[in-house]
C-alpha atoms as a PDB file:
ATOM      1  CA  UNK A   1      -2.117 -41.293   8.163  1.00  0.00           C
ATOM      2  CA  UNK A   2      -5.553 -40.379   9.507  1.00  0.00           C
ATOM      3  CA  UNK A   3      -4.046 -37.710  11.763  1.00  0.00           C
ATOM      4  CA  UNK A   4      -2.133 -36.257   8.805  1.00  0.00           C
ATOM      5  CA  UNK A   5      -5.294 -36.078   6.682  1.00  0.00           C
ATOM      6  CA  UNK A   6      -7.151 -34.346   9.499  1.00  0.00           C
ATOM      7  CA  UNK A   7      -4.343 -31.796   9.791  1.00  0.00           C
ATOM      8  CA  UNK A   8      -4.575 -31.033   6.070  1.00  0.00           C
ATOM      9  CA  UNK A   9      -8.328 -30.603   6.354  1.00  0.00           C
ATOM     10  CA  UNK A  10      -7.850 -28.070   9.149  1.00  0.00           C
ATOM     11  CA  UNK A  11      -5.362 -26.091   7.059  1.00  0.00           C
ATOM     12  CA  UNK A  12      -7.874 -25.706   4.216  1.00  0.00           C
ATOM     13  CA  UNK A  13      -6.850 -23.016   1.702  1.00  0.00           C
ATOM     14  CA  UNK A  14      -3.834 -22.059   3.850  1.00  0.00           C
ATOM     15  CA  UNK A  15      -1.970 -25.275   3.002  1.00  0.00           C
ATOM     16  CA  UNK A  16       0.571 -23.172   1.111  1.00  0.00           C
ATOM     17  CA  UNK A  17       1.019 -19.498   0.424  1.00  0.00           C
ATOM     18  CA  UNK A  18       3.825 -17.310  -0.908  1.00  0.00           C
ATOM     19  CA  UNK A  19       4.697 -13.960   0.635  1.00  0.00           C
ATOM     20  CA  UNK A  20       6.817 -11.366  -1.080  1.00  0.00           C
ATOM     21  CA  UNK A  21       6.615  -8.252  -3.244  1.00  0.00           C
ATOM     22  CA  UNK A  22       4.786  -8.508  -6.569  1.00  0.00           C
ATOM     23  CA  UNK A  23       7.303  -6.143  -8.219  1.00  0.00           C
ATOM     24  CA  UNK A  24      11.045  -6.388  -8.883  1.00  0.00           C
ATOM     25  CA  UNK A  25      12.918  -3.237  -9.891  1.00  0.00           C
ATOM     26  CA  UNK A  26      15.526  -3.524 -12.661  1.00  0.00           C
ATOM     27  CA  UNK A  27      18.859  -4.642 -11.225  1.00  0.00           C
ATOM     28  CA  UNK A  28      17.522  -5.311  -7.714  1.00  0.00           C
ATOM     29  CA  UNK A  29      16.810  -8.379  -5.591  1.00  0.00           C
ATOM     30  CA  UNK A  30      13.672  -9.476  -3.742  1.00  0.00           C
ATOM     31  CA  UNK A  31      12.976 -12.393  -1.431  1.00  0.00           C
ATOM     32  CA  UNK A  32       9.955 -14.685  -1.700  1.00  0.00           C
ATOM     33  CA  UNK A  33       8.920 -16.908   1.188  1.00  0.00           C
ATOM     34  CA  UNK A  34       6.785 -20.057   1.054  1.00  0.00           C
ATOM     35  CA  UNK A  35       4.669 -20.469   4.190  1.00  0.00           C
ATOM     36  CA  UNK A  36       3.142 -23.769   5.303  1.00  0.00           C
ATOM     37  CA  UNK A  37       2.314 -25.538   8.551  1.00  0.00           C
ATOM     38  CA  UNK A  38       2.992 -29.016   7.119  1.00  0.00           C
ATOM     39  CA  UNK A  39       6.019 -30.564   8.808  1.00  0.00           C
ATOM     40  CA  UNK A  40       8.736 -32.347   6.811  1.00  0.00           C
ATOM     41  CA  UNK A  41       7.432 -30.882   3.570  1.00  0.00           C
ATOM     42  CA  UNK A  42       9.657 -29.836   0.656  1.00  0.00           C
ATOM     43  CA  UNK A  43       9.113 -26.670  -1.366  1.00  0.00           C
ATOM     44  CA  UNK A  44       9.733 -26.761  -5.114  1.00  0.00           C
ATOM     45  CA  UNK A  45       9.998 -23.466  -7.021  1.00  0.00           C
ATOM     46  CA  UNK A  46       9.637 -23.669 -10.796  1.00  0.00           C
ATOM     47  CA  UNK A  47      10.245 -20.713 -13.086  1.00  0.00           C
ATOM     48  CA  UNK A  48       7.339 -21.124 -15.468  1.00  0.00           C
ATOM     49  CA  UNK A  49       8.708 -18.465 -17.814  1.00  0.00           C
ATOM     50  CA  UNK A  50      10.993 -15.454 -17.872  1.00  0.00           C
ATOM     51  CA  UNK A  51      14.043 -17.423 -16.682  1.00  0.00           C
ATOM     52  CA  UNK A  52      16.524 -15.448 -18.837  1.00  0.00           C
ATOM     53  CA  UNK A  53      15.510 -12.222 -17.063  1.00  0.00           C
ATOM     54  CA  UNK A  54      16.349 -13.322 -13.504  1.00  0.00           C
ATOM     55  CA  UNK A  55      18.802 -15.298 -11.473  1.00  0.00           C
ATOM     56  CA  UNK A  56      18.165 -17.019  -8.151  1.00  0.00           C
ATOM     57  CA  UNK A  57      20.220 -17.292  -4.993  1.00  0.00           C
ATOM     58  CA  UNK A  58      19.992 -21.073  -5.320  1.00  0.00           C
ATOM     59  CA  UNK A  59      20.962 -22.755  -8.596  1.00  0.00           C
ATOM     60  CA  UNK A  60      18.062 -24.191 -10.551  1.00  0.00           C
ATOM     61  CA  UNK A  61      18.009 -27.186 -12.849  1.00  0.00           C
ATOM     62  CA  UNK A  62      18.417 -25.777 -16.365  1.00  0.00           C
ATOM     63  CA  UNK A  63      16.168 -28.453 -17.852  1.00  0.00           C
ATOM     64  CA  UNK A  64      13.251 -28.164 -15.429  1.00  0.00           C
ATOM     65  CA  UNK A  65      13.952 -24.570 -14.236  1.00  0.00           C
ATOM     66  CA  UNK A  66      13.287 -25.819 -10.704  1.00  0.00           C
ATOM     67  CA  UNK A  67      14.757 -24.977  -7.306  1.00  0.00           C
ATOM     68  CA  UNK A  68      13.921 -27.650  -4.730  1.00  0.00           C
ATOM     69  CA  UNK A  69      14.235 -27.402  -0.959  1.00  0.00           C
ATOM     70  CA  UNK A  70      14.488 -23.841   0.407  1.00  0.00           C
ATOM     71  CA  UNK A  71      11.445 -22.101   1.882  1.00  0.00           C
ATOM     72  CA  UNK A  72      12.952 -18.750   0.876  1.00  0.00           C
ATOM     73  CA  UNK A  73      14.264 -17.823  -2.528  1.00  0.00           C
ATOM     74  CA  UNK A  74      15.857 -14.641  -3.864  1.00  0.00           C
ATOM     75  CA  UNK A  75      15.239 -13.292  -7.359  1.00  0.00           C
ATOM     76  CA  UNK A  76      17.596 -10.795  -8.971  1.00  0.00           C
ATOM     77  CA  UNK A  77      16.584  -8.896 -12.097  1.00  0.00           C
ATOM     78  CA  UNK A  78      19.059  -9.089 -14.971  1.00  0.00           C
ATOM     79  CA  UNK A  79      17.042  -7.596 -17.802  1.00  0.00           C
ATOM     80  CA  UNK A  80      16.150  -4.067 -18.884  1.00  0.00           C
ATOM     81  CA  UNK A  81      12.759  -4.768 -20.484  1.00  0.00           C
ATOM     82  CA  UNK A  82       9.534  -4.822 -18.494  1.00  0.00           C
ATOM     83  CA  UNK A  83       8.258  -8.378 -18.193  1.00  0.00           C
ATOM     84  CA  UNK A  84       6.256 -10.741 -16.002  1.00  0.00           C
ATOM     85  CA  UNK A  85       7.609 -13.850 -14.340  1.00  0.00           C
ATOM     86  CA  UNK A  86       5.395 -16.730 -13.247  1.00  0.00           C
ATOM     87  CA  UNK A  87       6.563 -19.111 -10.584  1.00  0.00           C
ATOM     88  CA  UNK A  88       4.817 -22.400  -9.895  1.00  0.00           C
ATOM     89  CA  UNK A  89       5.359 -23.267  -6.218  1.00  0.00           C
ATOM     90  CA  UNK A  90       4.636 -26.787  -4.985  1.00  0.00           C
ATOM     91  CA  UNK A  91       4.470 -28.389  -1.561  1.00  0.00           C
ATOM     92  CA  UNK A  92       5.630 -32.016  -1.523  1.00  0.00           C
ATOM     93  CA  UNK A  93       5.795 -34.579   1.259  1.00  0.00           C
ATOM     94  CA  UNK A  94       7.036 -38.170   0.961  1.00  0.00           C
ATOM     95  CA  UNK A  95       6.696 -38.127  -2.798  1.00  0.00           C
ATOM     96  CA  UNK A  96       3.177 -36.711  -2.815  1.00  0.00           C
ATOM     97  CA  UNK A  97       2.321 -33.242  -4.100  1.00  0.00           C
ATOM     98  CA  UNK A  98       0.063 -31.631  -1.509  1.00  0.00           C
ATOM     99  CA  UNK A  99      -0.510 -28.223  -3.115  1.00  0.00           C
ATOM    100  CA  UNK A 100       0.598 -26.051  -6.026  1.00  0.00           C
ATOM    101  CA  UNK A 101       0.055 -22.322  -6.384  1.00  0.00           C
ATOM    102  CA  UNK A 102       1.200 -19.694  -8.839  1.00  0.00           C
ATOM    103  CA  UNK A 103       3.036 -16.529  -7.850  1.00  0.00           C
ATOM    104  CA  UNK A 104       3.667 -13.709 -10.305  1.00  0.00           C
ATOM    105  CA  UNK A 105       6.290 -10.984 -10.212  1.00  0.00           C
ATOM    106  CA  UNK A 106       6.578  -8.042 -12.581  1.00  0.00           C
ATOM    107  CA  UNK A 107      10.008  -6.709 -13.512  1.00  0.00           C
ATOM    108  CA  UNK A 108      10.323  -3.100 -14.542  1.00  0.00           C
ATOM    109  CA  UNK A 109      11.324   0.480 -13.707  1.00  0.00           C
ATOM    110  CA  UNK A 110      10.189   2.452 -10.685  1.00  0.00           C
ATOM    111  CA  UNK A 111       7.524   5.055 -11.342  1.00  0.00           C
ATOM    112  CA  UNK A 112       8.422   8.236  -9.435  1.00  0.00           C
ATOM    113  CA  UNK A 113       5.510  10.536  -8.684  1.00  0.00           C
ATOM    114  CA  UNK A 114       5.780  14.010  -7.151  1.00  0.00           C
ATOM    115  CA  UNK A 115       3.727  14.652  -3.999  1.00  0.00           C
ATOM    116  CA  UNK A 116       3.350  18.233  -2.806  1.00  0.00           C
ATOM    117  CA  UNK A 117       3.433  18.435   1.013  1.00  0.00           C
ATOM    118  CA  UNK A 118       1.104  21.259   2.050  1.00  0.00           C
ATOM    119  CA  UNK A 119       1.031  23.216   5.296  1.00  0.00           C
ATOM    120  CA  UNK A 120      -2.502  24.245   6.304  1.00  0.00           C
ATOM    121  CA  UNK A 121      -2.144  27.545   8.160  1.00  0.00           C
ATOM    122  CA  UNK A 122      -4.682  28.278  10.887  1.00  0.00           C
ATOM    123  CA  UNK A 123      -4.055  29.175  14.504  1.00  0.00           C
ATOM    124  CA  UNK A 124      -6.915  27.018  15.739  1.00  0.00           C
ATOM    125  CA  UNK A 125      -6.626  23.888  13.602  1.00  0.00           C
ATOM    126  CA  UNK A 126      -3.826  24.122  11.057  1.00  0.00           C
ATOM    127  CA  UNK A 127      -0.661  22.063  10.644  1.00  0.00           C
ATOM    128  CA  UNK A 128       1.041  21.508  13.978  1.00  0.00           C
ATOM    129  CA  UNK A 129       4.349  20.198  12.592  1.00  0.00           C
ATOM    130  CA  UNK A 130       5.164  22.646   9.839  1.00  0.00           C
ATOM    131  CA  UNK A 131       8.836  21.628  10.127  1.00  0.00           C
ATOM    132  CA  UNK A 132       7.896  18.175   8.792  1.00  0.00           C
ATOM    133  CA  UNK A 133       6.768  19.844   5.594  1.00  0.00           C
ATOM    134  CA  UNK A 134       9.218  22.730   5.270  1.00  0.00           C
ATOM    135  CA  UNK A 135      12.424  21.115   6.504  1.00  0.00           C
ATOM    136  CA  UNK A 136      14.009  18.861   3.883  1.00  0.00           C
ATOM    137  CA  UNK A 137      16.013  16.993   6.551  1.00  0.00           C
ATOM    138  CA  UNK A 138      12.846  16.235   8.540  1.00  0.00           C
ATOM    139  CA  UNK A 139      10.979  15.158   5.403  1.00  0.00           C
ATOM    140  CA  UNK A 140      13.763  12.874   4.186  1.00  0.00           C
ATOM    141  CA  UNK A 141      13.325  10.000   6.705  1.00  0.00           C
ATOM    142  CA  UNK A 142       9.545  10.081   6.194  1.00  0.00           C
ATOM    143  CA  UNK A 143      10.003   9.835   2.430  1.00  0.00           C
ATOM    144  CA  UNK A 144      12.414   6.903   2.802  1.00  0.00           C
ATOM    145  CA  UNK A 145      10.039   5.003   5.086  1.00  0.00           C
ATOM    146  CA  UNK A 146       7.026   5.654   2.853  1.00  0.00           C
ATOM    147  CA  UNK A 147       8.895   4.543  -0.267  1.00  0.00           C
ATOM    148  CA  UNK A 148      10.046   1.355   1.416  1.00  0.00           C
ATOM    149  CA  UNK A 149       6.365   0.464   1.849  1.00  0.00           C
ATOM    150  CA  UNK A 150       5.358   1.540  -1.678  1.00  0.00           C
ATOM    151  CA  UNK A 151       8.272  -0.156  -3.440  1.00  0.00           C
ATOM    152  CA  UNK A 152       6.434  -3.513  -3.803  1.00  0.00           C
ATOM    153  CA  UNK A 153       4.085  -1.574  -6.109  1.00  0.00           C
ATOM    154  CA  UNK A 154       7.020  -0.390  -8.218  1.00  0.00           C
ATOM    155  CA  UNK A 155       6.225   3.175  -7.151  1.00  0.00           C
ATOM    156  CA  UNK A 156       8.076   5.913  -5.286  1.00  0.00           C
ATOM    157  CA  UNK A 157       6.957   9.370  -4.252  1.00  0.00           C
ATOM    158  CA  UNK A 158       9.046  12.507  -4.063  1.00  0.00           C
ATOM    159  CA  UNK A 159       7.815  14.474  -1.048  1.00  0.00           C
ATOM    160  CA  UNK A 160       8.358  18.129  -1.929  1.00  0.00           C
ATOM    161  CA  UNK A 161       7.248  21.310  -0.175  1.00  0.00           C
ATOM    162  CA  UNK A 162       4.169  22.747  -1.819  1.00  0.00           C
ATOM    163  CA  UNK A 163       2.358  26.087  -1.447  1.00  0.00           C
ATOM    164  CA  UNK A 164       0.895  26.899   1.951  1.00  0.00           C
ATOM    165  CA  UNK A 165      -2.893  26.854   2.346  1.00  0.00           C
ATOM    166  CA  UNK A 166      -4.318  29.674   4.465  1.00  0.00           C
ATOM    167  CA  UNK A 167      -7.438  28.181   5.999  1.00  0.00           C
ATOM    168  CA  UNK A 168     -10.404  30.079   7.478  1.00  0.00           C
ATOM    169  CA  UNK A 169     -11.615  29.267  10.999  1.00  0.00           C
ATOM    170  CA  UNK A 170     -14.843  27.897   9.516  1.00  0.00           C
ATOM    171  CA  UNK A 171     -12.944  24.818   8.275  1.00  0.00           C
ATOM    172  CA  UNK A 172     -12.497  23.574  11.849  1.00  0.00           C
ATOM    173  CA  UNK A 173     -14.821  22.700  14.699  1.00  0.00           C
ATOM    174  CA  UNK A 174     -14.704  24.291  18.173  1.00  0.00           C
ATOM    175  CA  UNK A 175     -11.839  21.964  19.178  1.00  0.00           C
ATOM    176  CA  UNK A 176      -9.803  22.788  16.064  1.00  0.00           C
ATOM    177  CA  UNK A 177     -10.524  19.472  14.347  1.00  0.00           C
ATOM    178  CA  UNK A 178     -10.797  19.036  10.584  1.00  0.00           C
ATOM    179  CA  UNK A 179     -13.675  16.887   9.275  1.00  0.00           C
ATOM    180  CA  UNK A 180     -13.070  15.667   5.696  1.00  0.00           C
ATOM    181  CA  UNK A 181     -15.864  13.069   5.450  1.00  0.00           C
ATOM    182  CA  UNK A 182     -19.096  12.113   7.110  1.00  0.00           C
ATOM    183  CA  UNK A 183     -21.292   9.031   7.094  1.00  0.00           C
ATOM    184  CA  UNK A 184     -24.902  10.125   6.800  1.00  0.00           C
ATOM    185  CA  UNK A 185     -27.520   7.359   7.100  1.00  0.00           C
ATOM    186  CA  UNK A 186     -25.010   4.799   5.892  1.00  0.00           C
ATOM    187  CA  UNK A 187     -23.687   6.825   2.939  1.00  0.00           C
ATOM    188  CA  UNK A 188     -20.133   8.205   3.078  1.00  0.00           C
ATOM    189  CA  UNK A 189     -19.604  11.627   1.509  1.00  0.00           C
ATOM    190  CA  UNK A 190     -17.033  14.411   1.336  1.00  0.00           C
ATOM    191  CA  UNK A 191     -17.779  17.418   3.475  1.00  0.00           C
ATOM    192  CA  UNK A 192     -18.089  20.886   1.972  1.00  0.00           C
ATOM    193  CA  UNK A 193     -14.908  21.780   3.860  1.00  0.00           C
ATOM    194  CA  UNK A 194     -12.948  19.038   2.095  1.00  0.00           C
ATOM    195  CA  UNK A 195     -14.214  20.238  -1.280  1.00  0.00           C
ATOM    196  CA  UNK A 196     -13.072  23.752  -0.424  1.00  0.00           C
ATOM    197  CA  UNK A 197      -9.623  22.448   0.541  1.00  0.00           C
ATOM    198  CA  UNK A 198      -9.254  20.565  -2.741  1.00  0.00           C
ATOM    199  CA  UNK A 199      -9.891  23.769  -4.659  1.00  0.00           C
ATOM    200  CA  UNK A 200      -6.431  24.776  -3.405  1.00  0.00           C
ATOM    201  CA  UNK A 201      -4.724  21.797  -5.115  1.00  0.00           C
ATOM    202  CA  UNK A 202      -1.314  22.588  -6.587  1.00  0.00           C
ATOM    203  CA  UNK A 203      -0.851  21.326 -10.166  1.00  0.00           C
ATOM    204  CA  UNK A 204       1.697  18.814 -11.474  1.00  0.00           C
ATOM    205  CA  UNK A 205       1.683  16.458  -8.500  1.00  0.00           C
ATOM    206  CA  UNK A 206      -0.279  14.734  -5.768  1.00  0.00           C
ATOM    207  CA  UNK A 207      -1.368  16.988  -2.911  1.00  0.00           C
ATOM    208  CA  UNK A 208      -0.739  15.860   0.686  1.00  0.00           C
ATOM    209  CA  UNK A 209      -2.338  18.174   3.246  1.00  0.00           C
ATOM    210  CA  UNK A 210      -1.157  17.948   6.859  1.00  0.00           C
ATOM    211  CA  UNK A 211      -3.668  18.965   9.542  1.00  0.00           C
ATOM    212  CA  UNK A 212      -3.500  19.050  13.323  1.00  0.00           C
ATOM    213  CA  UNK A 213      -6.436  16.741  14.074  1.00  0.00           C
ATOM    214  CA  UNK A 214      -8.411  14.753  11.537  1.00  0.00           C
ATOM    215  CA  UNK A 215     -11.893  13.446  12.447  1.00  0.00           C
ATOM    216  CA  UNK A 216     -15.043  12.141  10.801  1.00  0.00           C
ATOM    217  CA  UNK A 217     -18.646  11.991  11.909  1.00  0.00           C
ATOM    218  CA  UNK A 218     -21.574   9.645  11.505  1.00  0.00           C
ATOM    219  CA  UNK A 219     -24.958  11.338  11.314  1.00  0.00           C
ATOM    220  CA  UNK A 220     -28.167   9.441  11.943  1.00  0.00           C
ATOM    221  CA  UNK A 221     -31.231  11.454  11.008  1.00  0.00           C
ATOM    222  CA  UNK A 222     -34.485  10.723  12.819  1.00  0.00           C
ATOM    223  CA  UNK A 223     -36.772  11.955  15.564  1.00  0.00           C
ATOM    224  CA  UNK A 224     -33.558  12.568  17.471  1.00  0.00           C
ATOM    225  CA  UNK A 225     -30.573  13.553  15.313  1.00  0.00           C
ATOM    226  CA  UNK A 226     -27.503  11.631  16.500  1.00  0.00           C
ATOM    227  CA  UNK A 227     -23.985  12.815  15.560  1.00  0.00           C
ATOM    228  CA  UNK A 228     -21.025  10.655  16.578  1.00  0.00           C
ATOM    229  CA  UNK A 229     -17.433  11.852  16.246  1.00  0.00           C
ATOM    230  CA  UNK A 230     -14.499   9.532  15.452  1.00  0.00           C
ATOM    231  CA  UNK A 231     -10.743  10.040  15.244  1.00  0.00           C
ATOM    232  CA  UNK A 232      -9.326   9.694  11.726  1.00  0.00           C
ATOM    233  CA  UNK A 233      -5.640   9.334  10.849  1.00  0.00           C
ATOM    234  CA  UNK A 234      -6.113  10.263   7.214  1.00  0.00           C
ATOM    235  CA  UNK A 235      -8.036  10.019   3.982  1.00  0.00           C
ATOM    236  CA  UNK A 236      -6.809   9.450   0.431  1.00  0.00           C
ATOM    237  CA  UNK A 237      -8.637  10.173  -2.826  1.00  0.00           C
ATOM    238  CA  UNK A 238      -8.094   8.483  -6.191  1.00  0.00           C
ATOM    239  CA  UNK A 239      -7.860  11.871  -7.899  1.00  0.00           C
ATOM    240  CA  UNK A 240      -4.561  12.362  -6.057  1.00  0.00           C
ATOM    241  CA  UNK A 241      -5.332  14.192  -2.814  1.00  0.00           C
ATOM    242  CA  UNK A 242      -4.412  13.047   0.695  1.00  0.00           C
ATOM    243  CA  UNK A 243      -5.344  14.629   4.020  1.00  0.00           C
ATOM    244  CA  UNK A 244      -3.387  13.223   6.950  1.00  0.00           C
ATOM    245  CA  UNK A 245      -3.012  13.911  10.643  1.00  0.00           C
ATOM    246  CA  UNK A 246       0.458  15.438  10.984  1.00  0.00           C
ATOM    247  CA  UNK A 247       1.204  13.093  13.872  1.00  0.00           C
ATOM    248  CA  UNK A 248       0.690  10.039  11.645  1.00  0.00           C
ATOM    249  CA  UNK A 249       3.547   7.682  10.777  1.00  0.00           C
ATOM    250  CA  UNK A 250       4.887   6.456   7.429  1.00  0.00           C
ATOM    251  CA  UNK A 251       2.521   3.454   7.344  1.00  0.00           C
ATOM    252  CA  UNK A 252      -0.483   5.773   7.556  1.00  0.00           C
ATOM    253  CA  UNK A 253       0.817   8.040   4.800  1.00  0.00           C
ATOM    254  CA  UNK A 254       1.696   5.060   2.585  1.00  0.00           C
ATOM    255  CA  UNK A 255      -1.809   3.648   3.110  1.00  0.00           C
ATOM    256  CA  UNK A 256      -3.456   6.934   2.139  1.00  0.00           C
ATOM    257  CA  UNK A 257      -1.152   7.307  -0.863  1.00  0.00           C
ATOM    258  CA  UNK A 258      -2.298   3.804  -1.794  1.00  0.00           C
ATOM    259  CA  UNK A 259      -5.782   5.301  -2.191  1.00  0.00           C
ATOM    260  CA  UNK A 260      -4.303   8.042  -4.391  1.00  0.00           C
ATOM    261  CA  UNK A 261      -2.982   5.201  -6.555  1.00  0.00           C
ATOM    262  CA  UNK A 262      -6.528   3.738  -6.840  1.00  0.00           C
ATOM    263  CA  UNK A 263      -6.355   1.072  -4.103  1.00  0.00           C
ATOM    264  CA  UNK A 264      -9.409   0.408  -1.929  1.00  0.00           C
ATOM    265  CA  UNK A 265      -9.674  -0.266   1.790  1.00  0.00           C
ATOM    266  CA  UNK A 266      -9.773  -3.897   2.913  1.00  0.00           C
ATOM    267  CA  UNK A 267     -12.128  -4.930   5.711  1.00  0.00           C
ATOM    268  CA  UNK A 268     -11.907  -8.715   6.147  1.00  0.00           C
ATOM    269  CA  UNK A 269     -10.093  -9.884   9.287  1.00  0.00           C
ATOM    270  CA  UNK A 270      -8.063 -12.277   7.107  1.00  0.00           C
ATOM    271  CA  UNK A 271      -6.590  -9.214   5.351  1.00  0.00           C
ATOM    272  CA  UNK A 272      -5.090  -7.585   8.449  1.00  0.00           C
ATOM    273  CA  UNK A 273      -1.568  -8.365   7.212  1.00  0.00           C
ATOM    274  CA  UNK A 274      -1.946  -6.044   4.227  1.00  0.00           C
ATOM    275  CA  UNK A 275      -1.097  -2.366   3.867  1.00  0.00           C
ATOM    276  CA  UNK A 276      -4.592  -1.461   2.676  1.00  0.00           C
ATOM    277  CA  UNK A 277      -6.412  -2.983   5.660  1.00  0.00           C
ATOM    278  CA  UNK A 278      -8.714  -0.219   6.856  1.00  0.00           C
ATOM    279  CA  UNK A 279      -8.091  -0.203  10.624  1.00  0.00           C
ATOM    280  CA  UNK A 280      -4.579   1.038  11.431  1.00  0.00           C
ATOM    281  CA  UNK A 281      -4.647  -0.176  15.038  1.00  0.00           C
ATOM    282  CA  UNK A 282      -5.507  -3.725  13.919  1.00  0.00           C
ATOM    283  CA  UNK A 283      -3.145  -3.902  10.925  1.00  0.00           C
ATOM    284  CA  UNK A 284      -0.439  -6.533  11.405  1.00  0.00           C
ATOM    285  CA  UNK A 285       1.567  -6.199   8.183  1.00  0.00           C
ATOM    286  CA  UNK A 286       2.101  -4.276   4.966  1.00  0.00           C
ATOM    287  CA  UNK A 287       1.756  -6.903   2.219  1.00  0.00           C
ATOM    288  CA  UNK A 288       0.577  -5.935  -1.263  1.00  0.00           C
ATOM    289  CA  UNK A 289      -0.829  -8.145  -4.018  1.00  0.00           C
ATOM    290  CA  UNK A 290      -0.219  -8.548  -7.730  1.00  0.00           C
ATOM    291  CA  UNK A 291      -3.551  -6.939  -8.617  1.00  0.00           C
ATOM    292  CA  UNK A 292      -2.892  -3.993  -6.300  1.00  0.00           C
ATOM    293  CA  UNK A 293       0.480  -3.488  -7.958  1.00  0.00           C
ATOM    294  CA  UNK A 294      -1.077  -3.619 -11.436  1.00  0.00           C
ATOM    295  CA  UNK A 295      -3.856  -1.171 -10.562  1.00  0.00           C
ATOM    296  CA  UNK A 296      -1.540   1.210  -8.677  1.00  0.00           C
ATOM    297  CA  UNK A 297       0.976   1.436 -11.531  1.00  0.00           C
ATOM    298  CA  UNK A 298      -1.801   2.168 -14.028  1.00  0.00           C
ATOM    299  CA  UNK A 299      -3.026   5.036 -11.837  1.00  0.00           C
ATOM    300  CA  UNK A 300       0.545   6.249 -11.208  1.00  0.00           C
ATOM    301  CA  UNK A 301       1.091   6.516 -14.960  1.00  0.00           C
ATOM    302  CA  UNK A 302      -2.047   8.656 -15.234  1.00  0.00           C
ATOM    303  CA  UNK A 303      -0.731  10.938 -12.488  1.00  0.00           C
ATOM    304  CA  UNK A 304       2.607  11.178 -14.310  1.00  0.00           C
ATOM    305  CA  UNK A 305       0.908  12.113 -17.582  1.00  0.00           C
ATOM    306  CA  UNK A 306      -1.012  14.821 -15.765  1.00  0.00           C
ATOM    307  CA  UNK A 307       2.229  16.158 -14.268  1.00  0.00           C
ATOM    308  CA  UNK A 308       3.990  16.178 -17.639  1.00  0.00           C
ATOM    309  CA  UNK A 309       1.189  18.181 -19.288  1.00  0.00           C
ATOM    310  CA  UNK A 310       1.695  21.042 -16.808  1.00  0.00           C
END
């Protein structure tokens, strides 16, 4: 018994957690997974409300609305009205309840937002893979992969070819690199070049600009001015603009689009399993939370209203 208590103490807040998307599209199915390190424990899933709107892979007791036993459970949407479902998930061992947490899922329609894919034309530093933007067949797999990552937010993007941007040489450094932001004495700011690029925004959609090499600099003013250059895979703005290295993958684009849908970077090491973790090379997963879903859908609706007014 003492050893068991010590094990629980070591687990701390991670005694039980639930992983799975916070959004369920009408007529579709999602899987939720309860994660615990406690051996011989039993998981109990209770539908706190919203039971008429979903069905589960495992039959639940109609009186208690409880599924007992499986660590994974599937939910299928049956309704056509947007609603929230609360699940109370408990961890039990030898008749004792060790932990209980709540997991929420929203049921509703996908929000589909147009994203203009923009070629930046410049011999020295423009888009290297123009085919990715101009060829529908090349763009299709990227769109599918990005939407798979955004779907837990209840959002999809339609990647469509937008107007070409003809960029002057002055937008790029001697190596042909584009610098959208800089960190000057601890304060991050847009560069004048980025502001000039955004003046070329196409209306009625998000704007995704593809550039050959994306970098940012830190500037430390002092007796000796120190400028340090860093590689950058992309940057996303809440007003709906994204600049991305055209060699980046779908996870990078989805992350930057997350910013366009109002989501902030995450920096804690414990958050490395989430899509919005700031360091791509250290990111271990693509999880999204209930609050991120709520905030992203609110911003997506604003983008849609802006598109419809055009």
